[in-house]
């Protein structure tokens, strides 16, 4: 069995610190993260038929992104429903989860990356959007908001 990745180790240490210091929200949030990661590991083992034991850091970061997105959607619904206290709890959980995620590219860097990928692929129509997104995903992985990048690509290709 391989040694745990740096991200896994950081999450474990943070969970232990939250337990020891009595930070119930951080403890509960990190336990949810740990449970999601454990489920992801099971999925990886099932798909690879036991060849791979654990999800990699990229998969964990994608998982963290999806957890943040779910909580943002929940917070918006709670806010809309007049449940400000539950929306605040979701926002606090988002803040805890985001501490373990890499810094996302800002708007200017995203535009620059999209423009470079469009040039590199020579994309001129929406039919080539998938190839451009694939290149961006390969080059920038988890630091690029693919939703924003997709919207930018679509806008750029519709102009041409």
N, C-alpha and C. Protein backbone atom coordinates (compact mmCIF):
# COMPACT_ATOMS: atom_id res chain seq x y z
N UNK A 1 0.85 -1.18 0.00
CA UNK A 1 0.00 0.00 0.00
C UNK A 1 0.89 1.24 0.00
N UNK A 2 0.55 2.20 -0.85
CA UNK A 2 1.38 3.40 -0.97
C UNK A 2 1.10 4.39 0.15
N UNK A 3 2.03 5.28 0.35
CA UNK A 3 1.87 6.31 1.37
C UNK A 3 0.79 7.29 0.93
N UNK A 4 0.04 7.85 1.90
CA UNK A 4 -1.01 8.80 1.53
C UNK A 4 -0.43 10.05 0.88
N UNK A 5 -1.18 10.62 -0.04
CA UNK A 5 -0.72 11.83 -0.73
C UNK A 5 -0.69 12.99 0.26
N UNK A 6 -0.04 14.06 -0.16
CA UNK A 6 0.07 15.24 0.69
C UNK A 6 -1.31 15.82 1.01
N UNK A 7 -2.19 15.82 0.03
CA UNK A 7 -3.54 16.35 0.25
C UNK A 7 -4.31 15.50 1.25
N UNK A 8 -4.22 14.19 1.11
CA UNK A 8 -4.88 13.30 2.07
C UNK A 8 -4.33 13.51 3.48
N UNK A 9 -3.02 13.63 3.56
CA UNK A 9 -2.38 13.82 4.86
C UNK A 9 -2.82 15.15 5.48
N UNK A 10 -2.89 16.20 4.66
CA UNK A 10 -3.33 17.51 5.14
C UNK A 10 -4.76 17.44 5.65
N UNK A 11 -5.62 16.75 4.92
CA UNK A 11 -7.02 16.61 5.35
C UNK A 11 -7.11 15.84 6.67
N UNK A 12 -6.34 14.76 6.79
CA UNK A 12 -6.36 13.97 8.03
C UNK A 12 -5.89 14.79 9.23
N UNK A 13 -4.81 15.52 9.03
CA UNK A 13 -4.28 16.35 10.12
C UNK A 13 -5.28 17.44 10.52
N UNK A 14 -5.91 18.05 9.53
CA UNK A 14 -6.91 19.09 9.81
C UNK A 14 -8.09 18.50 10.58
N UNK A 15 -8.52 17.31 10.20
CA UNK A 15 -9.62 16.65 10.91
C UNK A 15 -9.21 16.37 12.35
N UNK A 16 -8.03 15.85 12.56
CA UNK A 16 -7.55 15.57 13.92
C UNK A 16 -7.48 16.86 14.74
N UNK A 17 -6.98 17.94 14.14
CA UNK A 17 -6.91 19.22 14.84
C UNK A 17 -8.30 19.74 15.21
N UNK A 18 -9.25 19.60 14.29
CA UNK A 18 -10.62 20.06 14.55
C UNK A 18 -11.25 19.25 15.68
N UNK A 19 -10.99 17.96 15.71
CA UNK A 19 -11.52 17.11 16.78
C UNK A 19 -10.93 17.52 18.12
N UNK A 20 -9.60 17.68 18.14
CA UNK A 20 -8.93 18.01 19.40
C UNK A 20 -9.30 19.39 19.92
N UNK A 21 -9.52 20.34 19.01
CA UNK A 21 -9.81 21.71 19.44
C UNK A 21 -11.31 21.98 19.63
N UNK A 22 -12.15 20.98 19.36
CA UNK A 22 -13.57 21.13 19.59
C UNK A 22 -14.30 21.98 18.56
N UNK A 23 -13.72 22.11 17.37
CA UNK A 23 -14.37 22.88 16.30
C UNK A 23 -15.37 21.96 15.60
N UNK A 24 -16.61 22.00 16.06
CA UNK A 24 -17.59 21.03 15.58
C UNK A 24 -17.92 21.19 14.09
N UNK A 25 -18.06 22.41 13.60
CA UNK A 25 -18.38 22.60 12.19
C UNK A 25 -17.25 22.09 11.30
N UNK A 26 -16.01 22.43 11.64
CA UNK A 26 -14.86 21.96 10.87
C UNK A 26 -14.77 20.44 10.95
N UNK A 27 -14.96 19.90 12.13
CA UNK A 27 -14.92 18.44 12.31
C UNK A 27 -15.95 17.75 11.44
N UNK A 28 -17.19 18.24 11.51
CA UNK A 28 -18.27 17.61 10.75
C UNK A 28 -18.05 17.75 9.24
N UNK A 29 -17.60 18.91 8.81
CA UNK A 29 -17.35 19.14 7.39
C UNK A 29 -16.23 18.24 6.89
N UNK A 30 -15.16 18.15 7.65
CA UNK A 30 -14.02 17.32 7.24
C UNK A 30 -14.36 15.83 7.28
N UNK A 31 -15.25 15.45 8.18
CA UNK A 31 -15.70 14.05 8.19
C UNK A 31 -16.51 13.76 6.92
N UNK A 32 -17.33 14.74 6.49
CA UNK A 32 -18.08 14.56 5.23
C UNK A 32 -17.12 14.44 4.05
N UNK A 33 -16.07 15.26 4.06
CA UNK A 33 -15.07 15.20 2.99
C UNK A 33 -14.39 13.83 3.00
N UNK A 34 -14.01 13.37 4.19
CA UNK A 34 -13.35 12.07 4.31
C UNK A 34 -14.26 10.95 3.81
N UNK A 35 -15.55 11.03 4.12
CA UNK A 35 -16.49 10.01 3.67
C UNK A 35 -16.62 10.02 2.14
N UNK A 36 -16.66 11.21 1.56
CA UNK A 36 -16.74 11.33 0.10
C UNK A 36 -15.48 10.75 -0.56
N UNK A 37 -14.33 11.03 0.04
CA UNK A 37 -13.07 10.51 -0.50
C UNK A 37 -13.04 8.99 -0.39
N UNK A 38 -13.50 8.47 0.73
CA UNK A 38 -13.54 7.02 0.91
C UNK A 38 -14.43 6.37 -0.15
N UNK A 39 -15.58 7.01 -0.44
CA UNK A 39 -16.47 6.49 -1.47
C UNK A 39 -15.80 6.55 -2.84
N UNK A 40 -15.08 7.63 -3.09
CA UNK A 40 -14.36 7.78 -4.37
C UNK A 40 -13.31 6.67 -4.50
N UNK A 41 -12.60 6.38 -3.39
CA UNK A 41 -11.61 5.30 -3.41
C UNK A 41 -12.26 3.96 -3.75
N UNK A 42 -13.44 3.71 -3.19
CA UNK A 42 -14.16 2.47 -3.47
C UNK A 42 -14.53 2.42 -4.95
N UNK A 43 -14.99 3.55 -5.48
CA UNK A 43 -15.34 3.61 -6.90
C UNK A 43 -14.12 3.34 -7.78
N UNK A 44 -12.98 3.89 -7.40
CA UNK A 44 -11.74 3.69 -8.17
C UNK A 44 -11.35 2.22 -8.14
N UNK A 45 -11.40 1.62 -6.96
CA UNK A 45 -11.04 0.19 -6.85
C UNK A 45 -11.99 -0.68 -7.66
N UNK A 46 -13.27 -0.34 -7.63
CA UNK A 46 -14.26 -1.12 -8.38
C UNK A 46 -14.02 -1.00 -9.88
N UNK A 47 -13.80 0.22 -10.35
CA UNK A 47 -13.57 0.42 -11.79
C UNK A 47 -12.28 -0.19 -12.27
N UNK A 48 -11.24 -0.16 -11.43
CA UNK A 48 -9.95 -0.69 -11.86
C UNK A 48 -9.80 -2.17 -11.48
N UNK A 49 -10.85 -2.75 -10.93
CA UNK A 49 -10.86 -4.15 -10.52
C UNK A 49 -9.71 -4.46 -9.56
N UNK A 50 -9.50 -3.55 -8.61
CA UNK A 50 -8.52 -3.76 -7.57
C UNK A 50 -7.11 -3.35 -7.91
N UNK A 51 -6.87 -2.86 -9.12
CA UNK A 51 -5.50 -2.48 -9.51
C UNK A 51 -5.06 -1.19 -8.84
N UNK A 52 -5.98 -0.23 -8.73
CA UNK A 52 -5.67 1.04 -8.06
C UNK A 52 -6.37 1.04 -6.71
N UNK A 53 -5.64 1.51 -5.68
CA UNK A 53 -6.22 1.52 -4.34
C UNK A 53 -6.93 2.82 -4.00
N UNK A 54 -6.43 3.94 -4.53
CA UNK A 54 -6.94 5.24 -4.09
C UNK A 54 -7.13 6.18 -5.27
N UNK A 55 -8.04 7.12 -5.08
CA UNK A 55 -8.20 8.21 -6.04
C UNK A 55 -7.00 9.14 -5.88
N UNK A 56 -6.53 9.70 -6.98
CA UNK A 56 -5.40 10.62 -6.93
C UNK A 56 -5.82 12.01 -6.46
N UNK A 57 -4.84 12.88 -6.28
CA UNK A 57 -5.11 14.24 -5.82
C UNK A 57 -6.02 15.00 -6.78
N UNK A 58 -5.84 14.80 -8.08
CA UNK A 58 -6.71 15.49 -9.05
C UNK A 58 -8.16 15.08 -8.85
N UNK A 59 -8.40 13.80 -8.64
CA UNK A 59 -9.76 13.32 -8.42
C UNK A 59 -10.33 13.88 -7.11
N UNK A 60 -9.49 13.98 -6.10
CA UNK A 60 -9.94 14.54 -4.82
C UNK A 60 -10.27 16.01 -4.98
N UNK A 61 -9.45 16.74 -5.72
CA UNK A 61 -9.72 18.16 -5.93
C UNK A 61 -11.01 18.35 -6.71
N UNK A 62 -11.25 17.51 -7.71
CA UNK A 62 -12.52 17.57 -8.45
C UNK A 62 -13.69 17.29 -7.51
N UNK A 63 -13.49 16.34 -6.61
CA UNK A 63 -14.51 16.02 -5.63
C UNK A 63 -14.79 17.22 -4.73
N UNK A 64 -13.73 17.90 -4.29
CA UNK A 64 -13.89 19.09 -3.45
C UNK A 64 -14.64 20.17 -4.21
N UNK A 65 -14.32 20.34 -5.50
CA UNK A 65 -15.03 21.31 -6.33
C UNK A 65 -16.53 21.00 -6.37
N UNK A 66 -16.85 19.72 -6.56
CA UNK A 66 -18.27 19.35 -6.65
C UNK A 66 -18.96 19.56 -5.30
N UNK A 67 -18.26 19.30 -4.20
CA UNK A 67 -18.84 19.54 -2.88
C UNK A 67 -19.12 21.03 -2.68
N UNK A 68 -18.20 21.87 -3.12
CA UNK A 68 -18.40 23.32 -3.00
C UNK A 68 -19.60 23.74 -3.85
N UNK A 69 -19.66 23.23 -5.06
CA UNK A 69 -20.76 23.59 -5.95
C UNK A 69 -22.12 23.20 -5.35
N UNK A 70 -22.20 21.99 -4.80
CA UNK A 70 -23.44 21.54 -4.16
C UNK A 70 -23.83 22.46 -3.01
N UNK A 71 -22.85 22.86 -2.23
CA UNK A 71 -23.14 23.72 -1.09
C UNK A 71 -23.54 25.13 -1.54
N UNK A 72 -22.93 25.61 -2.63
CA UNK A 72 -23.33 26.91 -3.15
C UNK A 72 -24.78 26.88 -3.61
N UNK A 73 -25.16 25.80 -4.29
CA UNK A 73 -26.54 25.65 -4.74
C UNK A 73 -27.49 25.57 -3.54
N UNK A 74 -27.10 24.81 -2.53
CA UNK A 74 -27.93 24.69 -1.33
C UNK A 74 -28.06 26.03 -0.62
N UNK A 75 -26.97 26.75 -0.51
CA UNK A 75 -27.00 28.06 0.16
C UNK A 75 -27.94 29.01 -0.57
N UNK A 76 -27.89 28.98 -1.90
CA UNK A 76 -28.78 29.85 -2.68
C UNK A 76 -30.24 29.47 -2.44
N UNK A 77 -30.54 28.17 -2.39
CA UNK A 77 -31.91 27.72 -2.14
C UNK A 77 -32.36 28.09 -0.73
N UNK A 78 -31.47 27.91 0.25
CA UNK A 78 -31.81 28.29 1.62
C UNK A 78 -32.08 29.79 1.72
N UNK A 79 -31.25 30.57 1.05
CA UNK A 79 -31.40 32.02 1.06
C UNK A 79 -32.75 32.39 0.44
N UNK A 80 -33.05 31.77 -0.68
CA UNK A 80 -34.31 32.03 -1.38
C UNK A 80 -35.51 31.63 -0.50
N UNK A 81 -35.35 30.58 0.26
CA UNK A 81 -36.42 30.09 1.13
C UNK A 81 -36.49 30.79 2.47
N UNK A 82 -35.64 31.80 2.68
CA UNK A 82 -35.68 32.55 3.94
C UNK A 82 -35.02 31.84 5.11
N UNK A 83 -34.13 30.92 4.83
CA UNK A 83 -33.42 30.18 5.89
C UNK A 83 -31.97 30.64 5.95
N UNK A 84 -31.76 31.88 6.35
CA UNK A 84 -30.44 32.49 6.36
C UNK A 84 -29.44 31.71 7.22
N UNK A 85 -29.90 31.13 8.34
CA UNK A 85 -28.98 30.40 9.23
C UNK A 85 -28.42 29.16 8.53
N UNK A 86 -29.25 28.49 7.75
CA UNK A 86 -28.76 27.32 7.02
C UNK A 86 -27.85 27.73 5.86
N UNK A 87 -28.18 28.84 5.22
CA UNK A 87 -27.32 29.36 4.15
C UNK A 87 -25.95 29.74 4.71
N UNK A 88 -25.94 30.34 5.89
CA UNK A 88 -24.67 30.71 6.53
C UNK A 88 -23.84 29.47 6.84
N UNK A 89 -24.50 28.42 7.32
CA UNK A 89 -23.78 27.17 7.63
C UNK A 89 -23.15 26.60 6.36
N UNK A 90 -23.89 26.62 5.25
CA UNK A 90 -23.35 26.13 3.98
C UNK A 90 -22.15 26.98 3.56
N UNK A 91 -22.23 28.29 3.72
CA UNK A 91 -21.12 29.18 3.36
C UNK A 91 -19.89 28.90 4.23
N UNK A 92 -20.11 28.60 5.49
CA UNK A 92 -18.99 28.27 6.38
C UNK A 92 -18.34 26.95 5.95
N UNK A 93 -19.16 25.98 5.56
CA UNK A 93 -18.62 24.71 5.08
C UNK A 93 -17.82 24.92 3.80
N UNK A 94 -18.33 25.79 2.92
CA UNK A 94 -17.61 26.11 1.68
C UNK A 94 -16.23 26.67 2.01
N UNK A 95 -16.18 27.59 2.96
CA UNK A 95 -14.90 28.20 3.35
C UNK A 95 -13.92 27.15 3.87
N UNK A 96 -14.42 26.20 4.63
CA UNK A 96 -13.55 25.14 5.17
C UNK A 96 -13.02 24.27 4.03
N UNK A 97 -13.90 23.86 3.13
CA UNK A 97 -13.50 22.99 2.02
C UNK A 97 -12.50 23.71 1.11
N UNK A 98 -12.76 24.99 0.84
CA UNK A 98 -11.89 25.74 -0.08
C UNK A 98 -10.46 25.88 0.43
N UNK A 99 -10.24 25.73 1.72
CA UNK A 99 -8.87 25.85 2.23
C UNK A 99 -7.98 24.71 1.72
N UNK A 100 -8.59 23.63 1.23
CA UNK A 100 -7.83 22.48 0.74
C UNK A 100 -7.74 22.44 -0.78
N UNK A 101 -8.31 23.44 -1.43
CA UNK A 101 -8.32 23.47 -2.89
C UNK A 101 -7.25 24.41 -3.41
N UNK A 102 -6.69 24.12 -4.58
CA UNK A 102 -5.69 25.03 -5.15
C UNK A 102 -6.35 26.33 -5.57
N UNK A 103 -5.56 27.38 -5.64
CA UNK A 103 -6.05 28.69 -6.07
C UNK A 103 -6.53 28.61 -7.51
N UNK A 104 -7.72 29.12 -7.76
CA UNK A 104 -8.28 29.12 -9.11
C UNK A 104 -7.70 30.28 -9.91
N UNK A 105 -7.64 30.10 -11.23
CA UNK A 105 -7.16 31.16 -12.12
C UNK A 105 -8.15 32.32 -12.09
N UNK A 106 -7.61 33.54 -12.12
CA UNK A 106 -8.50 34.70 -12.18
C UNK A 106 -9.02 34.88 -13.61
N UNK A 107 -9.89 35.86 -13.79
CA UNK A 107 -10.55 36.06 -15.09
C UNK A 107 -9.54 36.34 -16.21
N UNK A 108 -8.55 37.18 -15.92
CA UNK A 108 -7.56 37.53 -16.94
C UNK A 108 -6.74 36.30 -17.36
N UNK A 109 -6.32 35.51 -16.38
CA UNK A 109 -5.54 34.31 -16.68
C UNK A 109 -6.38 33.28 -17.43
N UNK A 110 -7.66 33.19 -17.08
CA UNK A 110 -8.57 32.28 -17.77
C UNK A 110 -8.71 32.69 -19.24
N UNK A 111 -8.91 33.99 -19.48
CA UNK A 111 -9.02 34.48 -20.85
C UNK A 111 -7.75 34.20 -21.65
N UNK A 112 -6.61 34.43 -21.01
CA UNK A 112 -5.33 34.19 -21.67
C UNK A 112 -5.17 32.70 -22.02
N UNK A 113 -5.53 31.82 -21.09
CA UNK A 113 -5.42 30.38 -21.32
C UNK A 113 -6.37 29.94 -22.44
N UNK A 114 -7.60 30.48 -22.44
CA UNK A 114 -8.57 30.13 -23.47
C UNK A 114 -8.08 30.59 -24.84
N UNK A 115 -7.59 31.83 -24.91
CA UNK A 115 -7.10 32.35 -26.19
C UNK A 115 -5.93 31.51 -26.71
N UNK A 116 -5.01 31.13 -25.81
CA UNK A 116 -3.86 30.31 -26.21
C UNK A 116 -4.33 28.94 -26.72
N UNK A 117 -5.31 28.35 -26.03
CA UNK A 117 -5.81 27.03 -26.44
C UNK A 117 -6.53 27.12 -27.79
N UNK A 118 -7.27 28.19 -27.99
CA UNK A 118 -7.94 28.38 -29.29
C UNK A 118 -6.93 28.49 -30.42
N UNK A 119 -5.86 29.26 -30.18
CA UNK A 119 -4.81 29.40 -31.20
C UNK A 119 -4.12 28.07 -31.43
N UNK A 120 -3.78 27.37 -30.35
CA UNK A 120 -3.05 26.10 -30.47
C UNK A 120 -3.87 25.06 -31.22
N UNK A 121 -5.17 25.03 -30.98
CA UNK A 121 -6.04 24.06 -31.66
C UNK A 121 -6.47 24.54 -33.04
N UNK A 122 -6.31 25.85 -33.28
CA UNK A 122 -6.76 26.40 -34.55
C UNK A 122 -8.27 26.34 -34.68
N UNK A 123 -8.95 26.44 -33.56
CA UNK A 123 -10.41 26.30 -33.54
C UNK A 123 -11.08 27.52 -34.16
N UNK A 124 -12.05 27.25 -35.04
CA UNK A 124 -12.80 28.32 -35.69
C UNK A 124 -14.30 28.11 -35.62
N UNK A 125 -14.74 26.96 -35.10
CA UNK A 125 -16.18 26.71 -35.02
C UNK A 125 -16.52 26.03 -33.70
N UNK A 126 -17.80 26.06 -33.36
CA UNK A 126 -18.25 25.43 -32.12
C UNK A 126 -18.03 23.92 -32.12
N UNK A 127 -17.94 23.33 -33.29
CA UNK A 127 -17.69 21.89 -33.38
C UNK A 127 -16.34 21.51 -32.79
N UNK A 128 -15.42 22.46 -32.70
CA UNK A 128 -14.08 22.19 -32.16
C UNK A 128 -13.96 22.53 -30.68
N UNK A 129 -15.06 22.92 -30.08
CA UNK A 129 -15.06 23.33 -28.67
C UNK A 129 -14.56 22.22 -27.75
N UNK A 130 -14.97 20.98 -28.00
CA UNK A 130 -14.56 19.86 -27.16
C UNK A 130 -13.05 19.66 -27.14
N UNK A 131 -12.42 19.82 -28.30
CA UNK A 131 -10.96 19.67 -28.38
C UNK A 131 -10.26 20.75 -27.57
N UNK A 132 -10.80 21.97 -27.64
CA UNK A 132 -10.21 23.09 -26.89
C UNK A 132 -10.36 22.85 -25.39
N UNK A 133 -11.55 22.42 -24.97
CA UNK A 133 -11.78 22.12 -23.55
C UNK A 133 -10.87 20.99 -23.08
N UNK A 134 -10.68 19.98 -23.91
CA UNK A 134 -9.79 18.87 -23.55
C UNK A 134 -8.36 19.34 -23.34
N UNK A 135 -7.91 20.23 -24.22
CA UNK A 135 -6.56 20.77 -24.08
C UNK A 135 -6.43 21.59 -22.79
N UNK A 136 -7.43 22.42 -22.52
CA UNK A 136 -7.40 23.23 -21.30
C UNK A 136 -7.40 22.34 -20.05
N UNK A 137 -8.21 21.30 -20.07
CA UNK A 137 -8.29 20.39 -18.93
C UNK A 137 -6.93 19.71 -18.71
N UNK A 138 -6.28 19.33 -19.81
CA UNK A 138 -4.98 18.65 -19.72
C UNK A 138 -3.90 19.61 -19.20
N UNK A 139 -3.90 20.84 -19.70
CA UNK A 139 -2.85 21.79 -19.34
C UNK A 139 -3.06 22.46 -17.99
N UNK A 140 -4.32 22.73 -17.62
CA UNK A 140 -4.57 23.53 -16.41
C UNK A 140 -5.30 22.77 -15.33
N UNK A 141 -5.77 21.58 -15.65
CA UNK A 141 -6.38 20.70 -14.66
C UNK A 141 -7.38 21.36 -13.74
N UNK A 142 -7.09 21.31 -12.47
CA UNK A 142 -8.04 21.73 -11.45
C UNK A 142 -7.95 23.21 -11.08
N UNK A 143 -7.05 23.96 -11.72
CA UNK A 143 -6.93 25.38 -11.37
C UNK A 143 -7.78 26.26 -12.28
N UNK A 144 -8.43 25.67 -13.26
CA UNK A 144 -9.25 26.42 -14.21
C UNK A 144 -10.71 26.07 -14.01
N UNK A 145 -11.55 27.09 -13.89
CA UNK A 145 -12.99 26.88 -13.80
C UNK A 145 -13.49 26.56 -15.19
N UNK A 146 -13.81 25.29 -15.42
CA UNK A 146 -14.18 24.85 -16.77
C UNK A 146 -15.50 25.45 -17.23
N UNK A 147 -16.38 25.79 -16.31
CA UNK A 147 -17.64 26.43 -16.68
C UNK A 147 -17.41 27.80 -17.29
N UNK A 148 -16.53 28.58 -16.65
CA UNK A 148 -16.20 29.91 -17.17
C UNK A 148 -15.43 29.79 -18.48
N UNK A 149 -14.52 28.84 -18.53
CA UNK A 149 -13.74 28.63 -19.75
C UNK A 149 -14.64 28.23 -20.90
N UNK A 150 -15.59 27.36 -20.64
CA UNK A 150 -16.52 26.92 -21.67
C UNK A 150 -17.33 28.09 -22.22
N UNK A 151 -17.80 28.94 -21.33
CA UNK A 151 -18.57 30.12 -21.77
C UNK A 151 -17.71 31.04 -22.63
N UNK A 152 -16.45 31.23 -22.22
CA UNK A 152 -15.53 32.07 -22.99
C UNK A 152 -15.26 31.49 -24.38
N UNK A 153 -15.02 30.20 -24.42
CA UNK A 153 -14.75 29.54 -25.71
C UNK A 153 -15.95 29.70 -26.63
N UNK A 154 -17.12 29.45 -26.08
CA UNK A 154 -18.34 29.56 -26.88
C UNK A 154 -18.50 30.98 -27.43
N UNK A 155 -18.27 31.98 -26.58
CA UNK A 155 -18.40 33.38 -27.01
C UNK A 155 -17.39 33.70 -28.10
N UNK A 156 -16.14 33.24 -27.92
CA UNK A 156 -15.09 33.52 -28.89
C UNK A 156 -15.39 32.85 -30.25
N UNK A 157 -15.85 31.60 -30.18
CA UNK A 157 -16.11 30.87 -31.42
C UNK A 157 -17.37 31.35 -32.14
N UNK A 158 -18.32 31.88 -31.41
CA UNK A 158 -19.52 32.40 -32.05
C UNK A 158 -19.26 33.73 -32.76
N UNK A 159 -18.22 34.45 -32.33
CA UNK A 159 -17.85 35.70 -32.97
C UNK A 159 -17.25 35.46 -34.35
N UNK A 160 -16.56 34.32 -34.48
CA UNK A 160 -15.86 34.04 -35.75
C UNK A 160 -16.78 33.49 -36.81
